[in-house]
């Protein structure tokens, strides 16, 4: 089992209420990942999800303080029934355009559907994160009766997309 799956499984809820689907894990030589407990930079997906889910707890903390409490936040994320997986198991090891990412993600749809199906319960709602993930998978997943609840793509919370990410995630979670 690779280091990404090992870290992810530690925080897998017994019953998944919200399954978040992102693009890929980071590059294989990276020391950063949503489920790694000690990440000191480039952890925007984790930070922004925690800000949306736990605004009271995070509002008075600096980014450094949120990162220092990462294990605590991941445990709460798990307890609250949230789980994050990636569309593809292998990272994008090189730079791809959005169109290329969409094509690569589409090629992995059958594997993604298999992963999702194994994780679904009658309670599970699926949220697709990032434009390429949404564009590549929305029609395929809906056609296969996967309960995707976002009706538009959610911006990835890096490179200036943090505010839009928070707004769209907040809207989706508040409408449930």
C-alpha atoms as a PDB file:
ATOM      1  CA  UNK A   1       0.000   0.000   0.000  1.00  0.00           C
ATOM      2  CA  UNK A   2       1.429   3.403  -0.932  1.00  0.00           C
ATOM      3  CA  UNK A   3       1.913   6.223   1.567  1.00  0.00           C
ATOM      4  CA  UNK A   4      -1.084   8.162   0.235  1.00  0.00           C
ATOM      5  CA  UNK A   5      -3.583   5.316   0.667  1.00  0.00           C
ATOM      6  CA  UNK A   6      -2.132   4.403   4.047  1.00  0.00           C
ATOM      7  CA  UNK A   7      -2.646   7.983   5.293  1.00  0.00           C
ATOM      8  CA  UNK A   8      -6.132   8.197   3.728  1.00  0.00           C
ATOM      9  CA  UNK A   9      -7.359   4.919   5.266  1.00  0.00           C
ATOM     10  CA  UNK A  10      -6.437   6.106   8.762  1.00  0.00           C
ATOM     11  CA  UNK A  11      -9.175   8.728   8.434  1.00  0.00           C
ATOM     12  CA  UNK A  12     -11.860   6.705   6.662  1.00  0.00           C
ATOM     13  CA  UNK A  13     -15.239   7.038   8.424  1.00  0.00           C
ATOM     14  CA  UNK A  14     -17.321   3.963   9.157  1.00  0.00           C
ATOM     15  CA  UNK A  15     -20.214   5.563   7.256  1.00  0.00           C
ATOM     16  CA  UNK A  16     -19.320   8.176   4.653  1.00  0.00           C
ATOM     17  CA  UNK A  17     -21.866  10.984   4.558  1.00  0.00           C
ATOM     18  CA  UNK A  18     -19.926  13.225   2.181  1.00  0.00           C
ATOM     19  CA  UNK A  19     -17.465  11.834  -0.330  1.00  0.00           C
ATOM     20  CA  UNK A  20     -15.257  14.563  -1.781  1.00  0.00           C
ATOM     21  CA  UNK A  21     -13.557  13.709  -5.077  1.00  0.00           C
ATOM     22  CA  UNK A  22     -10.465  15.693  -6.086  1.00  0.00           C
ATOM     23  CA  UNK A  23      -8.045  15.243  -9.026  1.00  0.00           C
ATOM     24  CA  UNK A  24      -4.997  13.234  -7.964  1.00  0.00           C
ATOM     25  CA  UNK A  25      -2.622  12.896  -5.060  1.00  0.00           C
ATOM     26  CA  UNK A  26       0.379  15.252  -5.225  1.00  0.00           C
ATOM     27  CA  UNK A  27       3.557  14.218  -7.004  1.00  0.00           C
ATOM     28  CA  UNK A  28       5.018  11.031  -5.597  1.00  0.00           C
ATOM     29  CA  UNK A  29       8.131  12.735  -4.197  1.00  0.00           C
ATOM     30  CA  UNK A  30       5.974  15.260  -2.351  1.00  0.00           C
ATOM     31  CA  UNK A  31       5.775  15.477   1.413  1.00  0.00           C
ATOM     32  CA  UNK A  32       2.335  17.039   1.223  1.00  0.00           C
ATOM     33  CA  UNK A  33      -1.060  15.403   0.993  1.00  0.00           C
ATOM     34  CA  UNK A  34      -4.507  16.151   2.391  1.00  0.00           C
ATOM     35  CA  UNK A  35      -4.211  13.288   4.897  1.00  0.00           C
ATOM     36  CA  UNK A  36      -0.569  13.797   5.895  1.00  0.00           C
ATOM     37  CA  UNK A  37      -0.563  15.144   9.428  1.00  0.00           C
ATOM     38  CA  UNK A  38       2.562  17.285   9.140  1.00  0.00           C
ATOM     39  CA  UNK A  39       2.506  19.593   6.119  1.00  0.00           C
ATOM     40  CA  UNK A  40       4.039  23.047   6.368  1.00  0.00           C
ATOM     41  CA  UNK A  41       3.266  24.441   2.904  1.00  0.00           C
ATOM     42  CA  UNK A  42       0.986  24.019  -0.118  1.00  0.00           C
ATOM     43  CA  UNK A  43      -1.864  22.484   1.834  1.00  0.00           C
ATOM     44  CA  UNK A  44      -4.650  24.725   0.545  1.00  0.00           C
ATOM     45  CA  UNK A  45      -7.236  21.983  -0.048  1.00  0.00           C
ATOM     46  CA  UNK A  46      -7.031  20.882   3.591  1.00  0.00           C
ATOM     47  CA  UNK A  47      -6.980  24.453   4.932  1.00  0.00           C
ATOM     48  CA  UNK A  48      -9.934  25.643   2.880  1.00  0.00           C
ATOM     49  CA  UNK A  49     -12.085  22.587   3.576  1.00  0.00           C
ATOM     50  CA  UNK A  50     -11.498  23.030   7.303  1.00  0.00           C
ATOM     51  CA  UNK A  51     -12.392  26.732   7.054  1.00  0.00           C
ATOM     52  CA  UNK A  52     -15.704  25.815   5.377  1.00  0.00           C
ATOM     53  CA  UNK A  53     -16.599  22.950   7.708  1.00  0.00           C
ATOM     54  CA  UNK A  54     -15.346  24.434  10.971  1.00  0.00           C
ATOM     55  CA  UNK A  55     -15.519  28.231  10.645  1.00  0.00           C
ATOM     56  CA  UNK A  56     -15.837  28.905  14.366  1.00  0.00           C
ATOM     57  CA  UNK A  57     -12.810  26.777  15.245  1.00  0.00           C
ATOM     58  CA  UNK A  58     -10.606  28.071  12.423  1.00  0.00           C
ATOM     59  CA  UNK A  59     -11.551  31.773  12.379  1.00  0.00           C
ATOM     60  CA  UNK A  60      -9.335  32.704  15.316  1.00  0.00           C
ATOM     61  CA  UNK A  61      -6.402  30.533  14.218  1.00  0.00           C
ATOM     62  CA  UNK A  62      -3.518  31.377  11.920  1.00  0.00           C
ATOM     63  CA  UNK A  63      -2.715  29.039   9.036  1.00  0.00           C
ATOM     64  CA  UNK A  64       0.254  27.762  11.042  1.00  0.00           C
ATOM     65  CA  UNK A  65      -2.013  27.020  14.024  1.00  0.00           C
ATOM     66  CA  UNK A  66      -4.530  25.173  11.833  1.00  0.00           C
ATOM     67  CA  UNK A  67      -1.681  23.075  10.441  1.00  0.00           C
ATOM     68  CA  UNK A  68      -0.437  22.326  13.970  1.00  0.00           C
ATOM     69  CA  UNK A  69      -3.914  20.971  14.765  1.00  0.00           C
ATOM     70  CA  UNK A  70      -4.195  19.009  11.524  1.00  0.00           C
ATOM     71  CA  UNK A  71      -4.539  15.607  13.175  1.00  0.00           C
ATOM     72  CA  UNK A  72      -7.331  16.967  15.396  1.00  0.00           C
ATOM     73  CA  UNK A  73      -9.155  18.443  12.375  1.00  0.00           C
ATOM     74  CA  UNK A  74      -8.729  15.237  10.345  1.00  0.00           C
ATOM     75  CA  UNK A  75     -10.226  13.220  13.187  1.00  0.00           C
ATOM     76  CA  UNK A  76     -13.205  15.573  13.332  1.00  0.00           C
ATOM     77  CA  UNK A  77     -13.534  15.395   9.518  1.00  0.00           C
ATOM     78  CA  UNK A  78     -13.674  11.594   9.860  1.00  0.00           C
ATOM     79  CA  UNK A  79     -16.092  11.655  12.804  1.00  0.00           C
ATOM     80  CA  UNK A  80     -18.410  13.977  10.886  1.00  0.00           C
ATOM     81  CA  UNK A  81     -18.544  11.469   8.005  1.00  0.00           C
ATOM     82  CA  UNK A  82     -16.348  13.270   5.458  1.00  0.00           C
ATOM     83  CA  UNK A  83     -13.875  11.444   3.247  1.00  0.00           C
ATOM     84  CA  UNK A  84     -11.729  12.658   0.371  1.00  0.00           C
ATOM     85  CA  UNK A  85     -10.535  10.502  -2.512  1.00  0.00           C
ATOM     86  CA  UNK A  86      -8.866  11.291  -5.814  1.00  0.00           C
ATOM     87  CA  UNK A  87     -10.224  10.659  -9.315  1.00  0.00           C
ATOM     88  CA  UNK A  88      -6.942   9.055 -10.280  1.00  0.00           C
ATOM     89  CA  UNK A  89      -4.619   7.103  -7.998  1.00  0.00           C
ATOM     90  CA  UNK A  90      -1.466   8.303  -9.731  1.00  0.00           C
ATOM     91  CA  UNK A  91      -0.410  11.951  -9.588  1.00  0.00           C
ATOM     92  CA  UNK A  92       0.054  14.203 -12.585  1.00  0.00           C
ATOM     93  CA  UNK A  93       3.848  14.032 -12.655  1.00  0.00           C
ATOM     94  CA  UNK A  94       4.069  16.740 -15.294  1.00  0.00           C
ATOM     95  CA  UNK A  95       2.221  19.939 -16.130  1.00  0.00           C
ATOM     96  CA  UNK A  96      -1.002  19.383 -18.066  1.00  0.00           C
ATOM     97  CA  UNK A  97      -3.562  21.794 -19.476  1.00  0.00           C
ATOM     98  CA  UNK A  98      -7.107  21.622 -18.135  1.00  0.00           C
ATOM     99  CA  UNK A  99      -8.197  19.858 -21.340  1.00  0.00           C
ATOM    100  CA  UNK A 100      -5.448  17.217 -20.956  1.00  0.00           C
ATOM    101  CA  UNK A 101      -6.405  16.663 -17.307  1.00  0.00           C
ATOM    102  CA  UNK A 102     -10.040  16.158 -18.301  1.00  0.00           C
ATOM    103  CA  UNK A 103      -9.033  13.527 -20.863  1.00  0.00           C
ATOM    104  CA  UNK A 104      -6.778  11.692 -18.396  1.00  0.00           C
ATOM    105  CA  UNK A 105      -9.494  11.751 -15.724  1.00  0.00           C
ATOM    106  CA  UNK A 106     -12.061  10.437 -18.244  1.00  0.00           C
ATOM    107  CA  UNK A 107      -9.784   7.489 -18.989  1.00  0.00           C
ATOM    108  CA  UNK A 108      -9.964   6.587 -15.289  1.00  0.00           C
ATOM    109  CA  UNK A 109     -13.766   6.830 -14.950  1.00  0.00           C
ATOM    110  CA  UNK A 110     -14.416   3.102 -14.666  1.00  0.00           C
ATOM    111  CA  UNK A 111     -11.870   2.780 -11.855  1.00  0.00           C
ATOM    112  CA  UNK A 112     -13.294   5.872 -10.141  1.00  0.00           C
ATOM    113  CA  UNK A 113     -16.831   4.477 -10.346  1.00  0.00           C
ATOM    114  CA  UNK A 114     -15.607   1.236  -8.799  1.00  0.00           C
ATOM    115  CA  UNK A 115     -13.928   3.140  -5.930  1.00  0.00           C
ATOM    116  CA  UNK A 116     -16.993   5.285  -5.325  1.00  0.00           C
ATOM    117  CA  UNK A 117     -19.405   2.347  -5.450  1.00  0.00           C
ATOM    118  CA  UNK A 118     -17.424   0.558  -2.727  1.00  0.00           C
ATOM    119  CA  UNK A 119     -17.648   3.637  -0.486  1.00  0.00           C
ATOM    120  CA  UNK A 120     -21.305   4.605  -0.976  1.00  0.00           C
ATOM    121  CA  UNK A 121     -23.983   4.075   1.600  1.00  0.00           C
ATOM    122  CA  UNK A 122     -27.602   5.181   1.364  1.00  0.00           C
ATOM    123  CA  UNK A 123     -26.534   8.387   3.171  1.00  0.00           C
ATOM    124  CA  UNK A 124     -23.571   9.322   0.978  1.00  0.00           C
ATOM    125  CA  UNK A 125     -23.543  12.543  -1.030  1.00  0.00           C
ATOM    126  CA  UNK A 126     -20.714  13.062  -3.540  1.00  0.00           C
ATOM    127  CA  UNK A 127     -19.025  16.413  -4.187  1.00  0.00           C
ATOM    128  CA  UNK A 128     -16.669  16.857  -7.149  1.00  0.00           C
ATOM    129  CA  UNK A 129     -13.829  19.310  -6.524  1.00  0.00           C
ATOM    130  CA  UNK A 130     -11.992  21.173  -9.318  1.00  0.00           C
ATOM    131  CA  UNK A 131     -13.150  21.985 -12.806  1.00  0.00           C
ATOM    132  CA  UNK A 132     -11.414  19.046 -14.582  1.00  0.00           C
ATOM    133  CA  UNK A 133     -12.911  16.533 -12.125  1.00  0.00           C
ATOM    134  CA  UNK A 134     -16.409  17.943 -12.581  1.00  0.00           C
ATOM    135  CA  UNK A 135     -16.209  18.303 -16.362  1.00  0.00           C
ATOM    136  CA  UNK A 136     -14.721  14.823 -16.841  1.00  0.00           C
ATOM    137  CA  UNK A 137     -17.038  12.957 -14.495  1.00  0.00           C
ATOM    138  CA  UNK A 138     -20.392  14.638 -13.912  1.00  0.00           C
ATOM    139  CA  UNK A 139     -22.348  13.072 -16.772  1.00  0.00           C
ATOM    140  CA  UNK A 140     -20.742   9.650 -16.365  1.00  0.00           C
ATOM    141  CA  UNK A 141     -21.345   9.505 -12.604  1.00  0.00           C
ATOM    142  CA  UNK A 142     -24.935  10.785 -12.837  1.00  0.00           C
ATOM    143  CA  UNK A 143     -25.658   8.221 -15.582  1.00  0.00           C
ATOM    144  CA  UNK A 144     -24.398   5.561 -13.167  1.00  0.00           C
ATOM    145  CA  UNK A 145     -26.693   6.789 -10.362  1.00  0.00           C
ATOM    146  CA  UNK A 146     -23.920   8.306  -8.220  1.00  0.00           C
ATOM    147  CA  UNK A 147     -25.493  10.983  -5.962  1.00  0.00           C
ATOM    148  CA  UNK A 148     -23.359  13.968  -6.993  1.00  0.00           C
ATOM    149  CA  UNK A 149     -24.798  17.045  -5.297  1.00  0.00           C
ATOM    150  CA  UNK A 150     -22.934  19.916  -6.917  1.00  0.00           C
ATOM    151  CA  UNK A 151     -24.560  21.317 -10.054  1.00  0.00           C
ATOM    152  CA  UNK A 152     -21.469  23.268 -11.081  1.00  0.00           C
ATOM    153  CA  UNK A 153     -17.737  22.824 -10.664  1.00  0.00           C
ATOM    154  CA  UNK A 154     -16.065  23.926  -7.470  1.00  0.00           C
ATOM    155  CA  UNK A 155     -12.870  25.878  -7.987  1.00  0.00           C
ATOM    156  CA  UNK A 156      -9.729  24.263  -6.623  1.00  0.00           C
ATOM    157  CA  UNK A 157      -8.640  26.339  -3.616  1.00  0.00           C
ATOM    158  CA  UNK A 158      -5.161  27.202  -4.869  1.00  0.00           C
ATOM    159  CA  UNK A 159      -3.729  30.008  -6.944  1.00  0.00           C
ATOM    160  CA  UNK A 160      -6.396  32.522  -5.959  1.00  0.00           C
ATOM    161  CA  UNK A 161      -9.399  30.174  -6.064  1.00  0.00           C
ATOM    162  CA  UNK A 162      -9.820  30.036  -2.288  1.00  0.00           C
ATOM    163  CA  UNK A 163     -12.689  32.507  -1.993  1.00  0.00           C
ATOM    164  CA  UNK A 164     -14.722  30.917  -4.809  1.00  0.00           C
ATOM    165  CA  UNK A 165     -14.023  27.469  -3.354  1.00  0.00           C
ATOM    166  CA  UNK A 166     -15.319  28.512   0.085  1.00  0.00           C
ATOM    167  CA  UNK A 167     -18.405  30.216  -1.382  1.00  0.00           C
ATOM    168  CA  UNK A 168     -19.391  27.231  -3.552  1.00  0.00           C
ATOM    169  CA  UNK A 169     -18.695  24.613  -0.868  1.00  0.00           C
ATOM    170  CA  UNK A 170     -20.588  26.647   1.719  1.00  0.00           C
ATOM    171  CA  UNK A 171     -23.547  26.968  -0.639  1.00  0.00           C
ATOM    172  CA  UNK A 172     -23.641  23.227  -1.396  1.00  0.00           C
ATOM    173  CA  UNK A 173     -23.347  22.160   2.232  1.00  0.00           C
ATOM    174  CA  UNK A 174     -25.945  24.684   3.409  1.00  0.00           C
ATOM    175  CA  UNK A 175     -28.482  23.527   0.819  1.00  0.00           C
ATOM    176  CA  UNK A 176     -28.516  19.961   2.122  1.00  0.00           C
END
